[in-house]
Amino acid sequence: QVQLVESGGGLAQAGGSLRLSCAASGRSFSSYAMGWFRQAPGKEREFVASLSWGSDAITYYADSVKGRFTISRDNAKNTVSLQMNSLKPEDTAVYYCAADYLGRAGRSSSYYNYWGQGTQVTVSS
């Protein structure tokens, strides 16, 4: 069993930055693929970024955040982070951290077995 707890959300101005963190409990964190998803009011949950396991981890990004967001992990600390720069009002959403014990790092939420409770990000114009 893995428990995920997000932190770092809040209010930012357009063009600003925020850094989200996700702390994972449980064994074998380093073998899990990790992902970030978001859900805006009235919209479906959407993929933001994911990171495969291993020392040569591969990253994937949604086109809407590519070049602005960076996903990273620290296996020693059992954390995964999402650095968000050049924020836009359309980035406003609840952001969720997710873990895939099969290490697939897919873009679909169906790949992920564990989810955090979410953290609110609000970007003002």
N, C-alpha and C. Protein backbone atom coordinates (compact mmCIF):
# COMPACT_ATOMS: atom_id res chain seq x y z
N GLN A 1 0.84 -1.19 0.00
CA GLN A 1 0.00 0.00 0.00
C GLN A 1 0.88 1.24 0.00
N VAL A 2 0.48 2.23 -0.78
CA VAL A 2 1.21 3.49 -0.87
C VAL A 2 0.26 4.62 -0.54
N GLN A 3 0.73 5.53 0.29
CA GLN A 3 -0.04 6.73 0.57
C GLN A 3 0.70 7.93 0.01
N LEU A 4 -0.05 8.82 -0.62
CA LEU A 4 0.53 9.99 -1.27
C LEU A 4 -0.07 11.25 -0.66
N VAL A 5 0.78 12.20 -0.34
CA VAL A 5 0.32 13.45 0.24
C VAL A 5 0.95 14.61 -0.51
N GLU A 6 0.11 15.42 -1.16
CA GLU A 6 0.60 16.58 -1.91
C GLU A 6 0.70 17.81 -1.01
N SER A 7 1.58 18.69 -1.39
CA SER A 7 1.71 19.98 -0.72
C SER A 7 2.25 20.99 -1.72
N GLY A 8 2.17 22.27 -1.36
CA GLY A 8 2.78 23.30 -2.18
C GLY A 8 1.82 24.08 -3.04
N GLY A 9 0.55 23.71 -3.04
CA GLY A 9 -0.40 24.48 -3.82
C GLY A 9 -0.65 25.85 -3.20
N GLY A 10 -1.39 26.66 -3.91
CA GLY A 10 -1.70 27.99 -3.40
C GLY A 10 -2.08 28.93 -4.51
N LEU A 11 -1.93 30.20 -4.24
CA LEU A 11 -2.30 31.25 -5.18
C LEU A 11 -1.06 31.85 -5.80
N ALA A 12 -1.07 32.01 -7.12
CA ALA A 12 0.03 32.64 -7.82
C ALA A 12 -0.52 33.57 -8.88
N GLN A 13 0.27 34.53 -9.26
CA GLN A 13 -0.11 35.42 -10.35
C GLN A 13 0.34 34.82 -11.67
N ALA A 14 -0.34 35.20 -12.72
CA ALA A 14 0.07 34.76 -14.05
C ALA A 14 1.53 35.15 -14.29
N GLY A 15 2.28 34.19 -14.82
CA GLY A 15 3.70 34.41 -15.04
C GLY A 15 4.56 33.97 -13.87
N GLY A 16 3.93 33.66 -12.75
CA GLY A 16 4.67 33.24 -11.57
C GLY A 16 4.95 31.76 -11.54
N SER A 17 5.43 31.31 -10.39
CA SER A 17 5.84 29.91 -10.24
C SER A 17 5.31 29.34 -8.94
N LEU A 18 5.12 28.03 -8.96
CA LEU A 18 4.80 27.27 -7.77
C LEU A 18 5.51 25.92 -7.89
N ARG A 19 5.80 25.33 -6.76
CA ARG A 19 6.40 23.99 -6.75
C ARG A 19 5.53 23.08 -5.90
N LEU A 20 5.03 22.04 -6.51
CA LEU A 20 4.24 21.04 -5.81
C LEU A 20 5.14 19.87 -5.42
N SER A 21 4.87 19.33 -4.25
CA SER A 21 5.59 18.15 -3.80
C SER A 21 4.60 17.06 -3.43
N CYS A 22 5.04 15.83 -3.57
CA CYS A 22 4.22 14.68 -3.22
C CYS A 22 5.10 13.73 -2.41
N ALA A 23 4.72 13.50 -1.18
CA ALA A 23 5.45 12.59 -0.31
C ALA A 23 4.77 11.24 -0.32
N ALA A 24 5.56 10.21 -0.56
CA ALA A 24 5.02 8.85 -0.65
C ALA A 24 5.49 8.01 0.53
N SER A 25 4.59 7.24 1.05
CA SER A 25 4.95 6.28 2.09
C SER A 25 4.86 4.88 1.52
N GLY A 26 5.58 3.97 2.08
CA GLY A 26 5.56 2.60 1.58
C GLY A 26 6.86 2.21 0.93
N ARG A 27 7.02 0.93 0.74
CA ARG A 27 8.25 0.42 0.17
C ARG A 27 8.23 0.49 -1.35
N SER A 28 9.38 0.31 -1.93
CA SER A 28 9.52 0.17 -3.38
C SER A 28 9.11 1.42 -4.15
N PHE A 29 9.20 2.58 -3.50
CA PHE A 29 8.83 3.82 -4.20
C PHE A 29 9.63 3.99 -5.47
N SER A 30 10.91 3.64 -5.43
CA SER A 30 11.78 3.88 -6.59
C SER A 30 11.36 3.07 -7.80
N SER A 31 10.58 2.03 -7.62
CA SER A 31 10.14 1.21 -8.75
C SER A 31 8.79 1.64 -9.32
N TYR A 32 8.17 2.64 -8.72
CA TYR A 32 6.88 3.12 -9.17
C TYR A 32 7.08 4.24 -10.20
N ALA A 33 6.25 4.24 -11.20
CA ALA A 33 6.14 5.43 -12.04
C ALA A 33 5.23 6.41 -11.32
N MET A 34 5.51 7.69 -11.49
CA MET A 34 4.74 8.72 -10.81
C MET A 34 4.16 9.69 -11.83
N GLY A 35 3.00 10.20 -11.50
CA GLY A 35 2.36 11.14 -12.41
C GLY A 35 1.68 12.26 -11.66
N TRP A 36 1.46 13.35 -12.38
CA TRP A 36 0.65 14.47 -11.90
C TRP A 36 -0.52 14.65 -12.86
N PHE A 37 -1.68 14.80 -12.28
CA PHE A 37 -2.90 15.09 -13.04
C PHE A 37 -3.54 16.32 -12.43
N ARG A 38 -4.48 16.91 -13.16
CA ARG A 38 -5.20 18.05 -12.61
C ARG A 38 -6.64 18.01 -13.06
N GLN A 39 -7.47 18.66 -12.26
CA GLN A 39 -8.90 18.72 -12.59
C GLN A 39 -9.41 20.11 -12.25
N ALA A 40 -9.87 20.80 -13.28
CA ALA A 40 -10.47 22.11 -13.12
C ALA A 40 -11.97 21.95 -12.91
N PRO A 41 -12.62 22.94 -12.32
CA PRO A 41 -14.07 22.85 -12.08
C PRO A 41 -14.84 22.59 -13.37
N GLY A 42 -15.69 21.59 -13.33
CA GLY A 42 -16.52 21.29 -14.48
C GLY A 42 -15.82 20.55 -15.60
N LYS A 43 -14.57 20.17 -15.37
CA LYS A 43 -13.81 19.47 -16.40
C LYS A 43 -13.35 18.11 -15.89
N GLU A 44 -12.97 17.26 -16.82
CA GLU A 44 -12.45 15.95 -16.45
C GLU A 44 -11.00 16.06 -15.98
N ARG A 45 -10.60 15.09 -15.22
CA ARG A 45 -9.20 15.05 -14.79
C ARG A 45 -8.31 14.82 -16.01
N GLU A 46 -7.22 15.57 -16.08
CA GLU A 46 -6.34 15.47 -17.23
C GLU A 46 -4.90 15.25 -16.82
N PHE A 47 -4.18 14.60 -17.70
CA PHE A 47 -2.77 14.32 -17.51
C PHE A 47 -1.95 15.60 -17.57
N VAL A 48 -0.96 15.71 -16.69
CA VAL A 48 -0.05 16.84 -16.70
C VAL A 48 1.38 16.39 -17.02
N ALA A 49 1.88 15.43 -16.24
CA ALA A 49 3.26 14.97 -16.43
C ALA A 49 3.43 13.63 -15.74
N SER A 50 4.40 12.86 -16.22
CA SER A 50 4.72 11.59 -15.57
C SER A 50 6.20 11.29 -15.70
N LEU A 51 6.64 10.37 -14.87
CA LEU A 51 8.06 10.08 -14.74
C LEU A 51 8.19 8.59 -14.48
N SER A 52 8.97 7.92 -15.32
CA SER A 52 9.16 6.48 -15.13
C SER A 52 10.12 6.23 -13.97
N TRP A 53 10.29 4.97 -13.61
CA TRP A 53 11.18 4.64 -12.51
C TRP A 53 12.58 4.42 -13.04
N GLY A 54 13.56 4.29 -12.13
CA GLY A 54 14.92 3.98 -12.53
C GLY A 54 15.79 5.21 -12.64
N SER A 55 17.10 4.95 -12.74
CA SER A 55 18.08 6.03 -12.79
C SER A 55 17.99 6.83 -14.08
N ASP A 56 17.54 6.22 -15.15
CA ASP A 56 17.37 6.92 -16.43
C ASP A 56 15.88 7.16 -16.68
N ALA A 57 15.26 7.79 -15.71
CA ALA A 57 13.82 7.99 -15.79
C ALA A 57 13.45 8.84 -17.00
N ILE A 58 12.37 8.47 -17.63
CA ILE A 58 11.86 9.19 -18.79
C ILE A 58 10.68 10.03 -18.34
N THR A 59 10.61 11.23 -18.85
CA THR A 59 9.52 12.14 -18.49
C THR A 59 8.58 12.35 -19.68
N TYR A 60 7.33 12.57 -19.35
CA TYR A 60 6.31 12.85 -20.35
C TYR A 60 5.51 14.06 -19.87
N TYR A 61 5.11 14.88 -20.82
CA TYR A 61 4.36 16.09 -20.48
C TYR A 61 3.18 16.27 -21.41
N ALA A 62 2.13 16.85 -20.86
CA ALA A 62 1.03 17.30 -21.71
C ALA A 62 1.52 18.47 -22.54
N ASP A 63 1.02 18.61 -23.74
CA ASP A 63 1.45 19.70 -24.61
C ASP A 63 1.21 21.06 -23.97
N SER A 64 0.16 21.15 -23.17
CA SER A 64 -0.21 22.43 -22.58
C SER A 64 0.79 22.92 -21.53
N VAL A 65 1.62 22.02 -21.02
CA VAL A 65 2.57 22.43 -19.97
C VAL A 65 4.02 22.23 -20.39
N LYS A 66 4.24 21.64 -21.53
CA LYS A 66 5.60 21.36 -21.98
C LYS A 66 6.40 22.65 -22.08
N GLY A 67 7.59 22.64 -21.51
CA GLY A 67 8.45 23.81 -21.52
C GLY A 67 8.22 24.74 -20.34
N ARG A 68 7.15 24.52 -19.61
CA ARG A 68 6.85 25.35 -18.43
C ARG A 68 6.92 24.55 -17.13
N PHE A 69 6.53 23.29 -17.18
CA PHE A 69 6.51 22.45 -15.98
C PHE A 69 7.63 21.41 -16.06
N THR A 70 8.16 21.04 -14.90
CA THR A 70 9.19 20.01 -14.82
C THR A 70 8.86 19.05 -13.69
N ILE A 71 8.81 17.77 -14.02
CA ILE A 71 8.59 16.74 -13.01
C ILE A 71 9.92 16.13 -12.64
N SER A 72 10.09 15.85 -11.36
CA SER A 72 11.33 15.23 -10.90
C SER A 72 11.03 14.37 -9.67
N ARG A 73 11.96 13.51 -9.32
CA ARG A 73 11.77 12.65 -8.15
C ARG A 73 13.06 12.54 -7.37
N ASP A 74 12.90 12.30 -6.07
CA ASP A 74 14.02 12.05 -5.19
C ASP A 74 13.71 10.73 -4.48
N ASN A 75 14.30 9.66 -4.96
CA ASN A 75 13.97 8.35 -4.41
C ASN A 75 14.47 8.19 -2.97
N ALA A 76 15.52 8.90 -2.62
CA ALA A 76 16.03 8.81 -1.25
C ALA A 76 15.04 9.41 -0.26
N LYS A 77 14.28 10.40 -0.72
CA LYS A 77 13.31 11.06 0.14
C LYS A 77 11.88 10.62 -0.14
N ASN A 78 11.70 9.71 -1.09
CA ASN A 78 10.35 9.26 -1.47
C ASN A 78 9.44 10.42 -1.85
N THR A 79 9.96 11.30 -2.66
CA THR A 79 9.16 12.45 -3.08
C THR A 79 9.21 12.62 -4.60
N VAL A 80 8.16 13.19 -5.13
CA VAL A 80 8.12 13.61 -6.52
C VAL A 80 7.61 15.04 -6.53
N SER A 81 8.19 15.85 -7.39
CA SER A 81 7.86 17.27 -7.42
C SER A 81 7.41 17.70 -8.80
N LEU A 82 6.70 18.79 -8.82
CA LEU A 82 6.29 19.40 -10.08
C LEU A 82 6.59 20.89 -9.98
N GLN A 83 7.62 21.32 -10.68
CA GLN A 83 7.97 22.73 -10.74
C GLN A 83 7.16 23.38 -11.85
N MET A 84 6.38 24.38 -11.49
CA MET A 84 5.49 25.02 -12.45
C MET A 84 5.91 26.47 -12.63
N ASN A 85 6.38 26.81 -13.81
CA ASN A 85 6.80 28.16 -14.14
C ASN A 85 5.88 28.76 -15.20
N SER A 86 5.98 30.05 -15.35
CA SER A 86 5.17 30.77 -16.35
C SER A 86 3.70 30.36 -16.26
N LEU A 87 3.19 30.39 -15.07
CA LEU A 87 1.83 29.94 -14.84
C LEU A 87 0.81 30.80 -15.58
N LYS A 88 -0.26 30.15 -15.98
CA LYS A 88 -1.35 30.80 -16.69
C LYS A 88 -2.66 30.58 -15.91
N PRO A 89 -3.63 31.47 -16.09
CA PRO A 89 -4.90 31.26 -15.39
C PRO A 89 -5.53 29.90 -15.71
N GLU A 90 -5.29 29.40 -16.91
CA GLU A 90 -5.85 28.09 -17.28
C GLU A 90 -5.16 26.92 -16.59
N ASP A 91 -4.12 27.19 -15.83
CA ASP A 91 -3.49 26.14 -15.01
C ASP A 91 -4.22 25.95 -13.68
N THR A 92 -5.19 26.80 -13.41
CA THR A 92 -5.97 26.70 -12.18
C THR A 92 -6.71 25.37 -12.13
N ALA A 93 -6.47 24.61 -11.07
CA ALA A 93 -7.07 23.29 -10.94
C ALA A 93 -6.65 22.68 -9.60
N VAL A 94 -7.26 21.57 -9.26
CA VAL A 94 -6.75 20.73 -8.19
C VAL A 94 -5.76 19.77 -8.82
N TYR A 95 -4.57 19.72 -8.25
CA TYR A 95 -3.50 18.87 -8.78
C TYR A 95 -3.35 17.63 -7.92
N TYR A 96 -3.28 16.48 -8.60
CA TYR A 96 -3.19 15.20 -7.93
C TYR A 96 -1.90 14.49 -8.29
N CYS A 97 -1.30 13.90 -7.30
CA CYS A 97 -0.15 13.03 -7.47
C CYS A 97 -0.65 11.59 -7.57
N ALA A 98 -0.02 10.79 -8.41
CA ALA A 98 -0.46 9.40 -8.58
C ALA A 98 0.73 8.48 -8.76
N ALA A 99 0.56 7.23 -8.36
CA ALA A 99 1.63 6.24 -8.45
C ALA A 99 1.15 5.01 -9.21
N ASP A 100 2.02 4.49 -10.05
CA ASP A 100 1.74 3.29 -10.85
C ASP A 100 2.76 2.23 -10.48
N TYR A 101 2.35 1.18 -9.78
CA TYR A 101 3.30 0.18 -9.30
C TYR A 101 3.86 -0.68 -10.41
N LEU A 102 3.27 -0.60 -11.62
CA LEU A 102 3.83 -1.34 -12.74
C LEU A 102 4.85 -0.51 -13.52
N GLY A 103 5.06 0.74 -13.11
CA GLY A 103 6.13 1.54 -13.68
C GLY A 103 5.91 2.02 -15.10
N ARG A 104 4.64 2.17 -15.53
CA ARG A 104 4.38 2.46 -16.94
C ARG A 104 4.43 3.94 -17.29
N ALA A 105 4.16 4.82 -16.32
CA ALA A 105 4.19 6.28 -16.55
C ALA A 105 3.27 6.70 -17.69
N GLY A 106 2.11 6.08 -17.78
CA GLY A 106 1.19 6.40 -18.86
C GLY A 106 0.49 7.73 -18.69
N ARG A 107 -0.18 8.16 -19.75
CA ARG A 107 -0.91 9.43 -19.75
C ARG A 107 -2.35 9.27 -19.28
N SER A 108 -2.82 8.06 -19.19
CA SER A 108 -4.19 7.82 -18.74
C SER A 108 -4.23 7.57 -17.25
N SER A 109 -5.25 8.13 -16.60
CA SER A 109 -5.38 7.93 -15.16
C SER A 109 -5.61 6.45 -14.81
N SER A 110 -6.04 5.67 -15.77
CA SER A 110 -6.31 4.25 -15.51
C SER A 110 -5.04 3.45 -15.22
N TYR A 111 -3.88 3.99 -15.55
CA TYR A 111 -2.62 3.31 -15.28
C TYR A 111 -2.24 3.37 -13.81
N TYR A 112 -2.81 4.30 -13.07
CA TYR A 112 -2.33 4.61 -11.74
C TYR A 112 -3.19 3.96 -10.66
N ASN A 113 -2.50 3.42 -9.67
CA ASN A 113 -3.15 2.64 -8.64
C ASN A 113 -3.40 3.41 -7.35
N TYR A 114 -2.59 4.42 -7.11
CA TYR A 114 -2.69 5.19 -5.87
C TYR A 114 -2.75 6.67 -6.19
N TRP A 115 -3.55 7.37 -5.40
CA TRP A 115 -3.76 8.80 -5.62
C TRP A 115 -3.67 9.56 -4.32
N GLY A 116 -3.18 10.79 -4.42
CA GLY A 116 -3.22 11.68 -3.28
C GLY A 116 -4.56 12.38 -3.20
N GLN A 117 -4.69 13.23 -2.20
CA GLN A 117 -5.98 13.90 -1.97
C GLN A 117 -6.14 15.16 -2.80
N GLY A 118 -5.04 15.63 -3.38
CA GLY A 118 -5.09 16.81 -4.24
C GLY A 118 -4.70 18.08 -3.51
N THR A 119 -4.17 19.02 -4.27
CA THR A 119 -3.83 20.33 -3.73
C THR A 119 -4.27 21.39 -4.73
N GLN A 120 -4.87 22.46 -4.23
CA GLN A 120 -5.45 23.49 -5.10
C GLN A 120 -4.37 24.45 -5.59
N VAL A 121 -4.38 24.70 -6.87
CA VAL A 121 -3.54 25.73 -7.49
C VAL A 121 -4.46 26.73 -8.16
N THR A 122 -4.30 27.99 -7.80
CA THR A 122 -5.11 29.06 -8.39
C THR A 122 -4.17 30.11 -8.97
N VAL A 123 -4.36 30.42 -10.24
CA VAL A 123 -3.53 31.40 -10.91
C VAL A 123 -4.41 32.58 -11.31
N SER A 124 -4.07 33.74 -10.81
CA SER A 124 -4.84 34.94 -11.11
C SER A 124 -4.23 35.69 -12.28
N SER A 125 -5.08 36.34 -13.04
CA SER A 125 -4.60 37.08 -14.22
C SER A 125 -4.22 38.50 -13.85
